[in-house]
Amino acid sequence: MNIIRNLAKVGLLTAFVASVSFASNAEDKWQGIANFDVANINVKGNTPSFSIGLGAYQKVHPNVMAGFGAQITESWKFKGNPSIPVFVGLHAEKFGEKMSPMLDFTTGFSFNTSEIDYSSYYLNPMIGVRFGKYGLGVGYLGSIAIGEGARWESYINIRLAYYFGYHKTKMSESIKNNTNFGMELTADIPLNSGENVKGTFGEGLNLYLLYSVSDNFEIGPMVGAHNLATELRGDWSHNEWDGDHGSLWVPIALRGKYSARQIAVAGKFYPWARLDLGGCAAIGDELRSGFYYSPAVGLSLDVRGGKSSIDLGLSYTGLSTGLKDEWGTQKMPKFTTHMLSIALGYTF
């Protein structure tokens, strides 16, 4: 199983780098696929689930797009512990045809929100057909959890999809002409103090897709990955909980950003402020997912005639989290990790 898990990690990293590289060299206009997987059927007969998701893509070939996206997956029984798959992928079809066969391949990581962590790596090849702006597909969904001894799980999934961006509508034209993709690298500085919670310096990467509501205000989703170790010391009900809890933190949030272009210096430099609100998944070392918030201020420089910008920012981040209880028998301690982040980004 370690071999499968390591291959999944390498495949996910390779696919991510490839999709970003392809997209950065592709056309300026983003295109999208909204999906509703009405059934994810486990071959072992367990309760099926359904998924709702959104992907953003750019053409890398006349018949192929590369991109990334996220979903929410919930059981048909609505147990209240949804998972959040984040993926990169490829989509192939004859874009100029009114009806076309299609091939879709995604791979990624699914964050689980239950007390016992079932987060997993997964891949999902799919075939189907598109009729105008609508699609129908059938695929194979395979996954393996992050825990030792986990086994490969297989599903059959059935998908309904809506394609926008390359089949022109008023909405798709607005999204294409007013949406900007960006990425930022961060240096994360812990602010925790006291004998119970301490942090170490870390680093991270954020990706975001913002829609321009006006000349100054943008809003849209963001997803990130931050490597940050947290040192815990203490006890609860005579049960010790201590050690170095190194984790990969993955925030998934809604970002709102205000850019004061009206006071630009030399027509190129202008200040901005933004706020991220959402959730943050923790991968590894018994830390739970929690609430995420991050206000920030910064300065941007317009490049490429104002089509892109270089962004420098300073943010404060709070991650409300706690320890997992693997057996579900006791209430575990909660705490908040605080940090300052210096970010250098580029908006395409």
Protein backbone atom coordinates (compact mmCIF):
# COMPACT_ATOMS: atom_id res chain seq x y z
CA MET A 1 0.00 0.00 0.00
CA ASN A 2 2.95 2.37 0.61
CA ILE A 3 3.94 1.97 -3.03
CA ILE A 4 0.42 2.91 -4.19
CA ARG A 5 0.32 5.86 -1.81
CA ASN A 6 3.72 7.16 -2.91
CA LEU A 7 2.76 6.78 -6.56
CA ALA A 8 -0.42 8.72 -5.85
CA LYS A 9 1.60 11.54 -4.24
CA VAL A 10 4.02 11.70 -7.17
CA GLY A 11 1.16 11.57 -9.67
CA LEU A 12 -0.74 14.34 -7.90
CA LEU A 13 2.33 16.59 -7.73
CA THR A 14 3.21 15.92 -11.38
CA ALA A 15 -0.35 16.60 -12.51
CA PHE A 16 -0.47 19.83 -10.48
CA VAL A 17 2.81 21.16 -11.91
CA ALA A 18 1.78 20.14 -15.44
CA SER A 19 -1.64 21.81 -15.19
CA VAL A 20 -0.18 25.08 -13.85
CA SER A 21 2.52 25.03 -16.54
CA PHE A 22 0.01 24.30 -19.30
CA ALA A 23 -2.45 26.90 -18.05
CA SER A 24 0.18 29.62 -17.74
CA ASN A 25 1.09 29.13 -21.41
CA ALA A 26 -2.47 28.75 -22.64
CA GLU A 27 -5.09 31.26 -23.74
CA ASP A 28 -6.02 34.13 -21.42
CA LYS A 29 -9.67 33.05 -21.13
CA TRP A 30 -10.72 30.58 -18.46
CA GLN A 31 -13.41 27.98 -19.13
CA GLY A 32 -15.43 25.99 -16.64
CA ILE A 33 -17.19 22.71 -15.92
CA ALA A 34 -19.79 22.41 -13.15
CA ASN A 35 -20.57 18.80 -12.21
CA PHE A 36 -23.22 16.94 -10.26
CA ASP A 37 -22.24 13.31 -9.64
CA VAL A 38 -25.63 11.85 -8.79
CA ALA A 39 -24.11 8.52 -7.67
CA ASN A 40 -20.69 7.32 -6.48
CA ILE A 41 -21.39 3.61 -6.11
CA ASN A 42 -18.95 1.52 -4.04
CA VAL A 43 -18.32 -1.88 -5.66
CA LYS A 44 -18.44 -3.48 -2.18
CA GLY A 45 -22.04 -2.39 -1.75
CA ASN A 46 -21.58 0.41 0.81
CA THR A 47 -23.94 3.40 0.89
CA PRO A 48 -23.56 5.50 -2.31
CA SER A 49 -22.65 9.18 -2.18
CA PHE A 50 -23.11 12.21 -4.43
CA SER A 51 -20.81 15.13 -5.35
CA ILE A 52 -21.15 18.74 -6.46
CA GLY A 53 -18.11 20.48 -7.91
CA LEU A 54 -16.60 23.15 -10.12
CA GLY A 55 -13.46 23.13 -12.27
CA ALA A 56 -11.58 25.94 -14.05
CA TYR A 57 -9.72 25.06 -17.25
CA GLN A 58 -7.65 26.54 -20.07
CA LYS A 59 -6.98 25.09 -23.52
CA VAL A 60 -3.54 23.54 -24.04
CA HIS A 61 -4.47 21.99 -27.40
CA PRO A 62 -7.36 22.53 -29.86
CA ASN A 63 -9.12 19.53 -28.28
CA VAL A 64 -7.67 19.42 -24.72
CA MET A 65 -7.99 21.59 -21.58
CA ALA A 66 -5.99 21.45 -18.32
CA GLY A 67 -7.10 22.88 -15.00
CA PHE A 68 -8.06 22.42 -11.35
CA GLY A 69 -11.12 22.48 -9.11
CA ALA A 70 -12.89 21.28 -5.96
CA GLN A 71 -15.98 19.31 -4.93
CA ILE A 72 -18.14 18.52 -1.92
CA THR A 73 -19.10 14.86 -1.45
CA GLU A 74 -21.81 13.63 0.91
CA SER A 75 -23.41 10.24 1.63
CA TRP A 76 -26.95 9.56 0.38
CA LYS A 77 -27.84 9.11 4.08
CA PHE A 78 -26.61 12.66 4.89
CA LYS A 79 -24.48 11.65 7.88
CA GLY A 80 -23.15 15.20 8.15
CA ASN A 81 -19.46 14.40 7.56
CA PRO A 82 -18.85 15.51 3.97
CA SER A 83 -15.49 15.21 2.25
CA ILE A 84 -13.89 17.91 0.09
CA PRO A 85 -11.96 16.59 -2.95
CA VAL A 86 -9.48 19.03 -4.52
CA PHE A 87 -8.20 18.04 -7.95
CA VAL A 88 -6.21 18.80 -11.09
CA GLY A 89 -7.19 17.31 -14.40
CA LEU A 90 -7.46 17.11 -18.17
CA HIS A 91 -10.60 17.33 -20.34
CA ALA A 92 -10.70 16.35 -24.03
CA GLU A 93 -13.47 16.77 -26.62
CA LYS A 94 -14.24 18.41 -29.99
CA PHE A 95 -15.01 21.88 -28.68
CA GLY A 96 -16.44 23.29 -31.90
CA GLU A 97 -19.08 20.57 -32.33
CA LYS A 98 -22.64 20.86 -31.03
CA MET A 99 -22.41 17.24 -29.84
CA SER A 100 -19.13 15.52 -28.98
CA PRO A 101 -17.74 12.52 -27.11
CA MET A 102 -15.60 13.57 -24.15
CA LEU A 103 -12.80 12.16 -22.00
CA ASP A 104 -12.19 13.52 -18.51
CA PHE A 105 -9.38 12.61 -16.09
CA THR A 106 -8.89 14.09 -12.61
CA THR A 107 -6.61 13.21 -9.71
CA GLY A 108 -6.35 14.82 -6.30
CA PHE A 109 -6.80 14.62 -2.55
CA SER A 110 -10.09 14.26 -0.68
CA PHE A 111 -10.26 15.91 2.76
CA ASN A 112 -12.58 14.17 5.23
CA THR A 113 -14.34 16.15 7.99
CA SER A 114 -15.30 13.30 10.36
CA GLU A 115 -13.67 12.73 13.77
CA ILE A 116 -11.81 9.71 12.35
CA ASP A 117 -9.72 10.85 9.40
CA TYR A 118 -10.60 9.04 6.16
CA SER A 119 -8.84 11.56 3.90
CA SER A 120 -7.53 9.91 0.73
CA TYR A 121 -5.74 10.22 -2.58
CA TYR A 122 -7.91 9.47 -5.59
CA LEU A 123 -8.10 9.34 -9.38
CA ASN A 124 -11.17 9.51 -11.62
CA PRO A 125 -11.05 8.76 -15.38
CA MET A 126 -14.40 9.23 -17.15
CA ILE A 127 -15.96 8.92 -20.60
CA GLY A 128 -19.18 10.47 -21.81
CA VAL A 129 -20.90 12.72 -24.31
CA ARG A 130 -21.67 16.45 -24.43
CA PHE A 131 -24.87 17.85 -25.93
CA GLY A 132 -24.44 21.62 -26.35
CA LYS A 133 -23.77 22.98 -22.83
CA TYR A 134 -24.78 19.74 -21.03
CA GLY A 135 -22.94 16.46 -20.52
CA LEU A 136 -23.44 12.93 -19.26
CA GLY A 137 -20.54 10.71 -18.16
CA VAL A 138 -19.66 7.42 -16.46
CA GLY A 139 -16.33 6.90 -14.72
CA TYR A 140 -14.18 4.83 -12.41
CA LEU A 141 -13.28 6.41 -9.06
CA GLY A 142 -10.40 4.80 -7.16
CA SER A 143 -9.05 6.00 -3.80
CA ILE A 144 -6.71 5.05 -0.97
CA ALA A 145 -6.81 6.57 2.55
CA ILE A 146 -3.72 8.14 4.15
CA GLY A 147 -3.60 5.73 7.13
CA GLU A 148 -1.24 2.77 7.28
CA GLY A 149 -2.82 -0.47 6.14
CA ALA A 150 -5.51 1.27 4.09
CA ARG A 151 -6.83 -0.59 1.05
CA TRP A 152 -7.68 0.61 -2.42
CA GLU A 153 -11.39 1.41 -2.79
CA SER A 154 -13.26 1.32 -6.11
CA TYR A 155 -16.41 3.18 -7.17
CA ILE A 156 -18.47 3.73 -10.31
CA ASN A 157 -19.64 7.33 -10.63
CA ILE A 158 -22.35 8.83 -12.84
CA ARG A 159 -22.02 12.53 -13.73
CA LEU A 160 -24.24 15.29 -15.05
CA ALA A 161 -22.27 18.37 -16.16
CA TYR A 162 -22.75 21.93 -17.34
CA TYR A 163 -20.04 23.41 -19.58
CA PHE A 164 -19.56 27.17 -19.76
CA GLY A 165 -16.98 29.51 -21.20
CA TYR A 166 -16.44 28.02 -24.65
CA HIS A 167 -20.13 27.65 -25.55
CA LYS A 168 -21.10 31.30 -25.55
CA THR A 169 -23.84 32.62 -23.27
CA LYS A 170 -24.18 36.02 -21.58
CA MET A 171 -23.11 34.45 -18.28
CA SER A 172 -20.12 32.62 -19.74
CA GLU A 173 -18.92 35.70 -21.61
CA SER A 174 -19.12 37.72 -18.39
CA ILE A 175 -17.18 35.06 -16.45
CA LYS A 176 -14.52 34.77 -19.16
CA ASN A 177 -13.98 38.51 -19.52
CA ASN A 178 -13.98 39.35 -15.81
CA THR A 179 -12.21 36.44 -14.07
CA ASN A 180 -8.55 36.45 -13.04
CA PHE A 181 -6.42 33.50 -11.90
CA GLY A 182 -3.52 34.02 -9.52
CA MET A 183 -1.02 32.27 -7.29
CA GLU A 184 1.09 33.38 -4.33
CA LEU A 185 4.03 31.96 -2.38
CA THR A 186 4.07 32.64 1.37
CA ALA A 187 6.59 32.67 4.21
CA ASP A 188 4.60 31.81 7.37
CA ILE A 189 5.73 33.16 10.76
CA PRO A 190 4.07 31.65 13.89
CA LEU A 191 2.68 34.01 16.53
CA ASN A 192 1.69 31.45 19.20
CA SER A 193 3.17 31.94 22.63
CA GLY A 194 2.85 30.17 25.93
CA GLU A 195 3.75 26.73 27.21
CA ASN A 196 0.96 24.79 25.46
CA VAL A 197 1.09 25.83 21.78
CA LYS A 198 4.16 26.81 19.79
CA GLY A 199 4.84 26.94 16.06
CA THR A 200 7.80 26.89 13.70
CA PHE A 201 8.43 28.80 10.49
CA GLY A 202 6.71 27.40 7.43
CA GLU A 203 5.93 28.06 3.79
CA GLY A 204 2.90 27.81 1.56
CA LEU A 205 1.24 28.20 -1.83
CA ASN A 206 -2.21 29.71 -2.53
CA LEU A 207 -4.22 29.54 -5.76
CA TYR A 208 -7.25 31.75 -6.37
CA LEU A 209 -9.82 32.55 -9.06
CA LEU A 210 -11.47 35.97 -8.64
CA TYR A 211 -14.44 37.48 -10.47
CA SER A 212 -14.49 41.28 -10.90
CA VAL A 213 -17.76 42.58 -9.48
CA SER A 214 -16.62 46.18 -10.13
CA ASP A 215 -13.46 48.05 -11.12
CA ASN A 216 -12.21 47.78 -7.54
CA PHE A 217 -13.78 44.68 -5.96
CA GLU A 218 -13.22 40.98 -6.77
CA ILE A 219 -14.57 37.82 -5.15
CA GLY A 220 -14.00 34.10 -5.67
CA PRO A 221 -12.61 30.81 -4.31
CA MET A 222 -9.09 30.12 -3.10
CA VAL A 223 -7.25 26.96 -2.07
CA GLY A 224 -3.81 26.66 -0.52
CA ALA A 225 -1.22 24.30 0.94
CA HIS A 226 0.92 25.36 3.93
CA ASN A 227 3.61 23.33 5.67
CA LEU A 228 3.55 24.39 9.33
CA ALA A 229 4.63 22.41 12.39
CA THR A 230 2.85 22.93 15.73
CA GLU A 231 4.36 21.90 19.07
CA LEU A 232 1.80 20.95 21.74
CA ARG A 233 2.35 20.40 25.46
CA GLY A 234 -0.34 19.59 28.04
CA ASP A 235 -2.74 17.04 29.44
CA TRP A 236 -6.52 16.45 29.61
CA SER A 237 -8.24 14.14 32.10
CA HIS A 238 -4.85 12.59 32.91
CA ASN A 239 -4.31 11.74 29.21
CA GLU A 240 -1.17 13.41 27.93
CA TRP A 241 -1.17 15.02 24.51
CA ASP A 242 2.23 16.29 23.56
CA GLY A 243 4.72 16.17 20.75
CA ASP A 244 5.56 17.90 17.48
CA HIS A 245 2.52 17.88 15.21
CA GLY A 246 3.84 18.67 11.75
CA SER A 247 1.00 19.10 9.30
CA LEU A 248 0.15 20.20 5.81
CA TRP A 249 -2.64 22.76 6.22
CA VAL A 250 -5.00 23.16 3.25
CA PRO A 251 -7.30 26.22 3.47
CA ILE A 252 -10.37 26.31 1.21
CA ALA A 253 -12.08 29.68 1.42
CA LEU A 254 -13.99 32.52 -0.21
CA ARG A 255 -11.75 35.50 -0.95
CA GLY A 256 -12.89 39.09 -1.28
CA LYS A 257 -10.36 41.68 -2.49
CA TYR A 258 -10.58 45.47 -2.81
CA SER A 259 -7.96 47.18 -5.00
CA ALA A 260 -7.65 50.97 -4.70
CA ARG A 261 -6.74 51.55 -8.34
CA GLN A 262 -8.14 55.10 -8.18
CA ILE A 263 -5.10 56.20 -6.13
CA ALA A 264 -2.48 54.39 -8.23
CA VAL A 265 1.01 55.92 -8.25
CA ALA A 266 2.45 56.41 -11.76
CA GLY A 267 -0.61 54.54 -12.99
CA LYS A 268 0.90 51.19 -11.91
CA PHE A 269 1.34 50.92 -8.12
CA TYR A 270 -1.78 50.67 -5.98
CA PRO A 271 -2.70 49.34 -2.49
CA TRP A 272 -5.24 46.58 -1.80
CA ALA A 273 -6.96 44.79 1.09
CA ARG A 274 -8.54 41.35 1.18
CA LEU A 275 -10.24 38.83 3.47
CA ASP A 276 -10.36 35.01 3.29
CA LEU A 277 -13.08 33.11 5.18
CA GLY A 278 -13.54 29.33 5.07
CA GLY A 279 -12.28 26.03 6.39
CA CYS A 280 -8.85 24.49 6.73
CA ALA A 281 -8.04 20.79 6.49
CA ALA A 282 -5.07 19.34 8.38
CA ILE A 283 -3.20 16.37 6.93
CA GLY A 284 -1.13 14.32 9.33
CA ASP A 285 -0.23 13.92 12.98
CA GLU A 286 -3.69 13.81 14.57
CA LEU A 287 -4.74 17.43 13.98
CA ARG A 288 -8.37 18.15 13.06
CA SER A 289 -9.76 20.41 10.35
CA GLY A 290 -11.18 23.74 11.49
CA PHE A 291 -12.20 27.33 10.77
CA TYR A 292 -9.87 29.55 8.73
CA TYR A 293 -9.75 33.35 8.44
CA SER A 294 -7.07 35.61 6.98
CA PRO A 295 -7.23 39.41 6.49
CA ALA A 296 -4.38 41.00 4.50
CA VAL A 297 -3.10 44.25 3.02
CA GLY A 298 -0.60 44.76 0.24
CA LEU A 299 0.71 46.56 -2.83
CA SER A 300 0.38 45.59 -6.50
CA LEU A 301 2.29 46.51 -9.64
CA ASP A 302 0.50 46.31 -13.00
CA VAL A 303 2.45 44.54 -15.77
CA ARG A 304 1.66 43.50 -19.33
CA GLY A 305 -0.22 46.74 -19.89
CA GLY A 306 -2.46 46.15 -16.89
CA LYS A 307 -3.49 42.61 -17.93
CA SER A 308 -1.49 41.08 -15.04
CA SER A 309 -0.02 42.20 -11.73
CA ILE A 310 2.78 41.38 -9.26
CA ASP A 311 1.37 41.37 -5.73
CA LEU A 312 3.19 41.78 -2.39
CA GLY A 313 1.14 41.26 0.77
CA LEU A 314 1.19 40.86 4.55
CA SER A 315 -1.54 38.77 6.18
CA TYR A 316 -2.66 37.58 9.60
CA THR A 317 -4.09 34.05 9.72
CA GLY A 318 -6.03 32.17 12.37
CA LEU A 319 -6.60 28.39 12.22
CA SER A 320 -9.08 27.07 14.80
CA THR A 321 -8.35 23.39 15.25
CA GLY A 322 -7.71 20.64 17.81
CA LEU A 323 -6.60 17.05 18.28
CA LYS A 324 -8.46 14.06 16.81
CA ASP A 325 -9.85 11.27 18.90
CA GLU A 326 -9.24 8.12 16.88
CA TRP A 327 -11.75 6.09 18.88
CA GLY A 328 -14.46 8.72 19.40
CA THR A 329 -14.51 8.20 23.18
CA GLN A 330 -13.44 11.56 24.60
CA LYS A 331 -13.52 15.28 23.99
CA MET A 332 -10.11 16.42 22.80
CA PRO A 333 -8.39 19.80 23.41
CA LYS A 334 -8.95 22.66 20.98
CA PHE A 335 -6.62 25.53 20.18
CA THR A 336 -5.99 28.23 17.55
CA THR A 337 -2.80 28.55 15.52
CA HIS A 338 -1.91 32.18 14.67
CA MET A 339 0.60 33.29 12.07
CA LEU A 340 1.81 36.21 9.97
CA SER A 341 2.44 35.53 6.29
CA ILE A 342 4.51 37.47 3.77
CA ALA A 343 3.17 36.68 0.28
CA LEU A 344 4.60 37.26 -3.18
CA GLY A 345 2.04 36.58 -5.91
CA TYR A 346 1.22 36.97 -9.59
CA THR A 347 -2.22 37.54 -11.06
CA PHE A 348 -2.52 36.41 -14.67
